[in-house]
C-alpha atoms as a PDB file:
ATOM      1  CA  MET A   1      37.943  -5.323  10.481  1.00  0.00           C
ATOM      2  CA  PHE A   2      36.548  -8.042  12.572  1.00  0.00           C
ATOM      3  CA  SER A   3      32.671  -8.448  12.809  1.00  0.00           C
ATOM      4  CA  LYS A   4      30.980  -9.710  15.568  1.00  0.00           C
ATOM      5  CA  SER A   5      28.725 -12.766  15.104  1.00  0.00           C
ATOM      6  CA  ARG A   6      24.872 -12.226  15.700  1.00  0.00           C
ATOM      7  CA  ILE A   7      24.698 -15.981  16.771  1.00  0.00           C
ATOM      8  CA  ASN A   8      26.568 -15.401  19.981  1.00  0.00           C
ATOM      9  CA  GLU A   9      24.782 -12.088  20.940  1.00  0.00           C
ATOM     10  CA  PRO A  10      22.273 -11.787  23.897  1.00  0.00           C
ATOM     11  CA  GLY A  11      18.788 -11.077  22.605  1.00  0.00           C
ATOM     12  CA  PRO A  12      15.276 -12.233  23.162  1.00  0.00           C
ATOM     13  CA  ALA A  13      14.990 -16.282  23.629  1.00  0.00           C
ATOM     14  CA  LYS A  14      13.160 -17.727  20.881  1.00  0.00           C
ATOM     15  CA  ASP A  15      10.157 -20.206  22.182  1.00  0.00           C
ATOM     16  CA  THR A  16      10.858 -23.510  22.218  1.00  0.00           C
ATOM     17  CA  ASP A  17       8.467 -25.036  24.475  1.00  0.00           C
ATOM     18  CA  ALA A  18       7.702 -28.299  23.292  1.00  0.00           C
ATOM     19  CA  SER A  19       4.267 -28.298  24.241  1.00  0.00           C
ATOM     20  CA  LYS A  20       3.066 -26.145  21.478  1.00  0.00           C
ATOM     21  CA  ALA A  21       1.776 -27.268  17.981  1.00  0.00           C
ATOM     22  CA  PRO A  22       4.720 -27.907  15.560  1.00  0.00           C
ATOM     23  CA  ASP A  23       4.624 -25.877  12.254  1.00  0.00           C
ATOM     24  CA  ILE A  24       4.234 -28.682   9.730  1.00  0.00           C
ATOM     25  CA  ALA A  25       5.142 -26.921   6.702  1.00  0.00           C
ATOM     26  CA  LYS A  26       8.535 -26.071   8.511  1.00  0.00           C
ATOM     27  CA  LYS A  27       9.429 -29.422   9.574  1.00  0.00           C
ATOM     28  CA  SER A  28       8.208 -31.116   6.362  1.00  0.00           C
ATOM     29  CA  SER A  29       9.706 -28.960   3.854  1.00  0.00           C
ATOM     30  CA  GLY A  30      13.245 -29.045   5.227  1.00  0.00           C
ATOM     31  CA  LEU A  31      13.666 -25.449   4.206  1.00  0.00           C
ATOM     32  CA  PRO A  32      14.424 -22.746   6.288  1.00  0.00           C
ATOM     33  CA  PRO A  33      11.469 -20.683   7.655  1.00  0.00           C
ATOM     34  CA  MET A  34      10.115 -17.700   5.499  1.00  0.00           C
ATOM     35  CA  ASP A  35       9.648 -14.372   6.568  1.00  0.00           C
ATOM     36  CA  THR A  36       5.802 -14.127   7.378  1.00  0.00           C
ATOM     37  CA  GLN A  37       5.341 -10.539   6.444  1.00  0.00           C
ATOM     38  CA  PRO A  38       3.655  -9.742   3.506  1.00  0.00           C
ATOM     39  CA  ALA A  39       4.772  -7.859   0.951  1.00  0.00           C
ATOM     40  CA  ALA A  40       3.526  -4.348   0.437  1.00  0.00           C
ATOM     41  CA  PRO A  41       0.723  -4.162  -1.648  1.00  0.00           C
ATOM     42  CA  LYS A  42       1.011  -3.098  -5.240  1.00  0.00           C
ATOM     43  CA  ALA A  43      -0.510   0.182  -6.217  1.00  0.00           C
ATOM     44  CA  LYS A  44      -3.115  -0.473  -8.639  1.00  0.00           C
ATOM     45  CA  PRO A  45      -2.231   1.454 -11.806  1.00  0.00           C
ATOM     46  CA  PRO A  46      -4.456   4.265 -12.766  1.00  0.00           C
ATOM     47  CA  ALA A  47      -7.480   4.141 -15.712  1.00  0.00           C
ATOM     48  CA  SER A  48      -6.453   4.303 -19.088  1.00  0.00           C
ATOM     49  CA  VAL A  49      -8.246   7.337 -20.543  1.00  0.00           C
ATOM     50  CA  LEU A  50      -9.020   7.792 -23.959  1.00  0.00           C
ATOM     51  CA  SER A  51      -9.692  11.571 -24.272  1.00  0.00           C
ATOM     52  CA  SER A  52     -12.666  13.203 -26.095  1.00  0.00           C
ATOM     53  CA  ASP A  53     -11.056  14.257 -29.332  1.00  0.00           C
ATOM     54  CA  LEU A  54      -9.480  10.550 -29.774  1.00  0.00           C
ATOM     55  CA  THR A  55     -11.209   8.013 -32.316  1.00  0.00           C
ATOM     56  CA  ILE A  56     -10.320   4.180 -32.456  1.00  0.00           C
ATOM     57  CA  THR A  57     -11.060   1.601 -34.789  1.00  0.00           C
ATOM     58  CA  GLY A  58     -10.124  -1.462 -33.521  1.00  0.00           C
ATOM     59  CA  ASN A  59     -10.584  -3.848 -30.387  1.00  0.00           C
ATOM     60  CA  LEU A  60      -9.341  -2.820 -26.892  1.00  0.00           C
ATOM     61  CA  LYS A  61      -8.219  -5.503 -24.383  1.00  0.00           C
ATOM     62  CA  THR A  62      -6.893  -5.219 -20.788  1.00  0.00           C
ATOM     63  CA  THR A  63      -7.100  -6.458 -17.234  1.00  0.00           C
ATOM     64  CA  GLY A  64      -6.975  -3.338 -15.949  1.00  0.00           C
ATOM     65  CA  ASP A  65      -9.388  -0.170 -16.035  1.00  0.00           C
ATOM     66  CA  ILE A  66     -10.458   2.081 -19.349  1.00  0.00           C
ATOM     67  CA  GLN A  67     -12.338   5.198 -19.109  1.00  0.00           C
ATOM     68  CA  VAL A  68     -13.665   6.217 -22.592  1.00  0.00           C
ATOM     69  CA  GLU A  69     -14.555   9.838 -23.435  1.00  0.00           C
ATOM     70  CA  GLY A  70     -14.192   9.532 -27.001  1.00  0.00           C
ATOM     71  CA  THR A  71     -15.415   7.192 -29.680  1.00  0.00           C
ATOM     72  CA  VAL A  72     -14.172   3.413 -30.114  1.00  0.00           C
ATOM     73  CA  GLU A  73     -15.164   1.393 -33.372  1.00  0.00           C
ATOM     74  CA  GLY A  74     -14.595  -1.992 -31.774  1.00  0.00           C
ATOM     75  CA  ASP A  75     -14.847  -4.097 -28.988  1.00  0.00           C
ATOM     76  CA  ILE A  76     -13.678  -3.361 -25.569  1.00  0.00           C
ATOM     77  CA  ARG A  77     -12.637  -5.792 -22.803  1.00  0.00           C
ATOM     78  CA  ALA A  78     -11.302  -4.681 -19.195  1.00  0.00           C
ATOM     79  CA  HIS A  79     -11.767  -4.856 -15.623  1.00  0.00           C
ATOM     80  CA  LEU A  80     -13.528  -1.649 -15.188  1.00  0.00           C
ATOM     81  CA  LEU A  81     -15.196   0.177 -18.016  1.00  0.00           C
ATOM     82  CA  THR A  82     -16.304   3.755 -17.698  1.00  0.00           C
ATOM     83  CA  ILE A  83     -18.101   5.218 -20.775  1.00  0.00           C
ATOM     84  CA  GLY A  84     -18.193   9.149 -20.527  1.00  0.00           C
ATOM     85  CA  GLU A  85     -20.859  11.154 -21.237  1.00  0.00           C
ATOM     86  CA  ASN A  86     -19.806  12.452 -24.651  1.00  0.00           C
ATOM     87  CA  ALA A  87     -18.419   8.961 -25.585  1.00  0.00           C
ATOM     88  CA  THR A  88     -19.964   6.651 -28.203  1.00  0.00           C
ATOM     89  CA  ILE A  89     -18.748   2.585 -28.602  1.00  0.00           C
ATOM     90  CA  ARG A  90     -20.032   0.576 -31.268  1.00  0.00           C
ATOM     91  CA  GLY A  91     -19.415  -2.717 -30.365  1.00  0.00           C
ATOM     92  CA  GLU A  92     -19.287  -5.203 -27.634  1.00  0.00           C
ATOM     93  CA  CYS A  93     -18.461  -4.069 -24.278  1.00  0.00           C
ATOM     94  CA  VAL A  94     -17.125  -6.866 -21.654  1.00  0.00           C
ATOM     95  CA  ALA A  95     -15.996  -5.975 -17.985  1.00  0.00           C
ATOM     96  CA  ASP A  96     -16.361  -7.134 -14.669  1.00  0.00           C
ATOM     97  CA  ASP A  97     -17.875  -3.468 -13.968  1.00  0.00           C
ATOM     98  CA  VAL A  98     -19.312  -1.348 -16.529  1.00  0.00           C
ATOM     99  CA  VAL A  99     -20.394   2.214 -15.933  1.00  0.00           C
ATOM    100  CA  ILE A 100     -22.297   3.899 -18.674  1.00  0.00           C
ATOM    101  CA  ASN A 101     -22.707   7.853 -19.087  1.00  0.00           C
ATOM    102  CA  GLY A 102     -22.739   7.770 -22.785  1.00  0.00           C
ATOM    103  CA  ARG A 103     -23.928   5.642 -25.800  1.00  0.00           C
ATOM    104  CA  ILE A 104     -23.276   2.120 -26.558  1.00  0.00           C
ATOM    105  CA  VAL A 105     -24.392   0.564 -29.867  1.00  0.00           C
ATOM    106  CA  GLY A 106     -23.852  -3.295 -29.172  1.00  0.00           C
ATOM    107  CA  ARG A 107     -23.967  -5.832 -26.628  1.00  0.00           C
ATOM    108  CA  VAL A 108     -22.741  -4.945 -23.104  1.00  0.00           C
ATOM    109  CA  ARG A 109     -21.441  -8.148 -20.798  1.00  0.00           C
ATOM    110  CA  GLY A 110     -20.810  -7.461 -17.213  1.00  0.00           C
ATOM    111  CA  LEU A 111     -21.052  -8.630 -13.574  1.00  0.00           C
ATOM    112  CA  LYS A 112     -22.087  -5.117 -12.468  1.00  0.00           C
ATOM    113  CA  VAL A 113     -23.492  -2.924 -15.186  1.00  0.00           C
ATOM    114  CA  ARG A 114     -24.837   0.556 -14.270  1.00  0.00           C
ATOM    115  CA  LEU A 115     -27.102   2.717 -16.799  1.00  0.00           C
ATOM    116  CA  THR A 116     -26.761   6.562 -15.381  1.00  0.00           C
ATOM    117  CA  SER A 117     -29.566   9.176 -16.314  1.00  0.00           C
ATOM    118  CA  THR A 118     -27.450  10.088 -19.298  1.00  0.00           C
ATOM    119  CA  ALA A 119     -26.671   6.589 -20.986  1.00  0.00           C
ATOM    120  CA  LYS A 120     -28.090   5.506 -24.041  1.00  0.00           C
ATOM    121  CA  VAL A 121     -27.666   1.796 -25.113  1.00  0.00           C
ATOM    122  CA  GLU A 122     -29.104   0.120 -28.071  1.00  0.00           C
ATOM    123  CA  GLY A 123     -28.222  -3.474 -27.746  1.00  0.00           C
ATOM    124  CA  ASP A 124     -28.687  -6.280 -25.233  1.00  0.00           C
ATOM    125  CA  ILE A 125     -27.297  -6.066 -21.864  1.00  0.00           C
ATOM    126  CA  ILE A 126     -26.050  -9.457 -19.999  1.00  0.00           C
ATOM    127  CA  HIS A 127     -25.258  -9.058 -16.269  1.00  0.00           C
ATOM    128  CA  LYS A 128     -25.376 -10.645 -13.030  1.00  0.00           C
ATOM    129  CA  THR A 129     -26.261  -7.160 -11.327  1.00  0.00           C
ATOM    130  CA  ILE A 130     -27.594  -4.327 -13.263  1.00  0.00           C
ATOM    131  CA  ALA A 131     -28.845  -0.675 -12.013  1.00  0.00           C
ATOM    132  CA  ILE A 132     -30.801   1.749 -14.320  1.00  0.00           C
ATOM    133  CA  GLU A 133     -31.022   5.206 -13.427  1.00  0.00           C
ATOM    134  CA  SER A 134     -34.413   7.284 -14.132  1.00  0.00           C
ATOM    135  CA  GLY A 135     -33.715   8.882 -17.549  1.00  0.00           C
ATOM    136  CA  ALA A 136     -31.621   6.439 -19.127  1.00  0.00           C
ATOM    137  CA  HIS A 137     -32.350   5.401 -22.479  1.00  0.00           C
ATOM    138  CA  PHE A 138     -32.383   1.574 -23.253  1.00  0.00           C
ATOM    139  CA  GLU A 139     -33.269  -0.582 -26.285  1.00  0.00           C
ATOM    140  CA  GLY A 140     -32.602  -3.979 -26.477  1.00  0.00           C
ATOM    141  CA  SER A 141     -33.010  -7.237 -24.307  1.00  0.00           C
ATOM    142  CA  VAL A 142     -31.399  -7.957 -20.702  1.00  0.00           C
ATOM    143  CA  GLN A 143     -30.527 -11.388 -19.072  1.00  0.00           C
ATOM    144  CA  ARG A 144     -29.311 -12.113 -15.900  1.00  0.00           C
ATOM    145  CA  GLN A 145     -26.735 -14.489 -15.870  1.00  0.00           C
ATOM    146  CA  ASP A 146     -24.562 -16.110 -12.721  1.00  0.00           C
ATOM    147  CA  ASP A 147     -21.553 -15.847 -15.420  1.00  0.00           C
ATOM    148  CA  PRO A 148     -22.105 -12.954 -17.836  1.00  0.00           C
ATOM    149  CA  LEU A 149     -18.291 -12.826 -18.775  1.00  0.00           C
ATOM    150  CA  SER A 150     -18.693 -16.180 -20.406  1.00  0.00           C
ATOM    151  CA  THR A 151     -19.600 -16.471 -24.382  1.00  0.00           C
ATOM    152  CA  GLY A 152     -22.133 -19.485 -23.820  1.00  0.00           C
ATOM    153  CA  GLY A 153     -25.051 -17.257 -23.111  1.00  0.00           C
ATOM    154  CA  GLN A 154     -24.905 -14.882 -26.394  1.00  0.00           C
ATOM    155  CA  GLN A 155     -27.281 -16.722 -28.287  1.00  0.00           C
ATOM    156  CA  ARG A 156     -29.870 -17.120 -25.262  1.00  0.00           C
ATOM    157  CA  ALA A 157     -29.691 -13.195 -24.923  1.00  0.00           C
ATOM    158  CA  ALA A 158     -30.575 -12.450 -28.387  1.00  0.00           C
ATOM    159  CA  ALA A 159     -33.807 -14.514 -27.996  1.00  0.00           C
ATOM    160  CA  LYS A 160     -35.312 -12.501 -24.838  1.00  0.00           C
ATOM    161  CA  ALA A 161     -38.095  -9.763 -25.318  1.00  0.00           C
ATOM    162  CA  GLN A 162     -37.213  -6.383 -26.140  1.00  0.00           C
ATOM    163  CA  VAL A 163     -36.962  -3.857 -23.700  1.00  0.00           C
ATOM    164  CA  THR A 164     -37.225  -0.257 -23.902  1.00  0.00           C
ATOM    165  CA  THR A 165     -36.770   2.370 -20.899  1.00  0.00           C
ATOM    166  CA  GLU A 166     -37.015   5.965 -20.958  1.00  0.00           C
ATOM    167  CA  GLY A 167     -37.477   8.485 -18.317  1.00  0.00           C
END
């Protein structure tokens, strides 16, 4: 029926000390103060997994993560790209983080590139940081760039010396 107003209810007094620094944003905007509690962080979606019996012909592009266990004939662009041990990629791979366990025939561009002991890469690698484990097979050139994800340095990478690593 009737409801009691919360304005008149006793409660903890708000701090109205004028000697404290005023909140400039609240005074200048003229808007009521907003809740300063951050929203709950959104859960990161799981990686898209391309199974071992899957063959894709065409390019893949996502802002998320991809784990490839099958075969892709085309370019891949992702945030985190993981190439499975039995996977084969024929095309350019571009990602913030690239973990290679399988085979890539084509250019690799990434902020962090890691070739595990089972990796087989035939192509150029443009990176900010790189790790190559013992046993990895790599044929191509390697070039460090501060921004390997941009397309400007691709022509320079082709002019670098050939490097072969086997363990």
